[in-house]
């Protein structure tokens, strides 16, 4: 049995309770990891509150968390390229991160220049960012609008698109203009005047990545001249606009994790600033994120 934070029901942050769970031996193609840090993301909050009830296999009694980093303690059959004692970051589309041990099918070894905290902050955001940049087919010379560009996914997506040779317009609040400018993007005002803000810079864009889920799909389709190259990570109204609602892509996840980790190790990625708190404070973290008292990436420090 290992310490964990368990989803006792759907509802307010208090439904996240300390407990112990049994993590079995890794199956074929899996590894088991002694976690050091686990990432907290906005989808965790949506699942816990019930807004994404049942998504990703979530139900009362499960352990939330899409990403973690730590040290391999066991490997399953047919696993190659990693062994007990190796440092890894893991992507967990089936959840399980808020625990002392995690079972993972998608992982990447952590190279020496990358800290455990940076490694834990990367997998879910990095996989999602690489996925949506691929899905809209960003190419050199194009102009891409990224809404929610100062968030964990959006900030990485900005940098990946720029690395492909695209011009990136980053839709953010004024307080976040500096961080996206540092990443090489051009900030535009996020809000009701989004279309006008973008058209003050360019008449149209080639593609739109919505990492905000904040109801901007009508504007996105307008600016892109159609829904074909618009993707959202979390807007439940995607189908109404004919927009793709992106979700984890297992067959390509490992390659994308390798690519973003290599970029991080080479100093080519800036990650969002972070706050680190104990695993036992997960409920308070959810509350502070929902209230707007925390505006950074949050990592839960997992006790040994």
Foldseek 3Di string as FASTA:
>chain_A
DWWFFFQQAAAALVSTAIDDDDDDAAEPLKFKFQFFKFWDDPVQLCCRNPVCPCPLNDGGGAGAGFKTKGFTDHDYPPDPDHDGGFTKIAGHSSGDRRIRMDMGNAIDTFDDVDDRVNSNLDQPLLLVLVVLCVQLVQAAPFEEEEEPLQDQNNVQNLLVSVVRHYAYEYADDPVRQVSSVVSVHHYFHDDPCRLVRVVVPPVAGCAYEYADLPPCVVSRCVRNVAQNRYEYADNPCQVVRPHHHDDRDVVCSNVSSHVVSVCVSVVSGDGWDEDEEASNCSSVVSVCVVVVVDDTTYMHGYDD
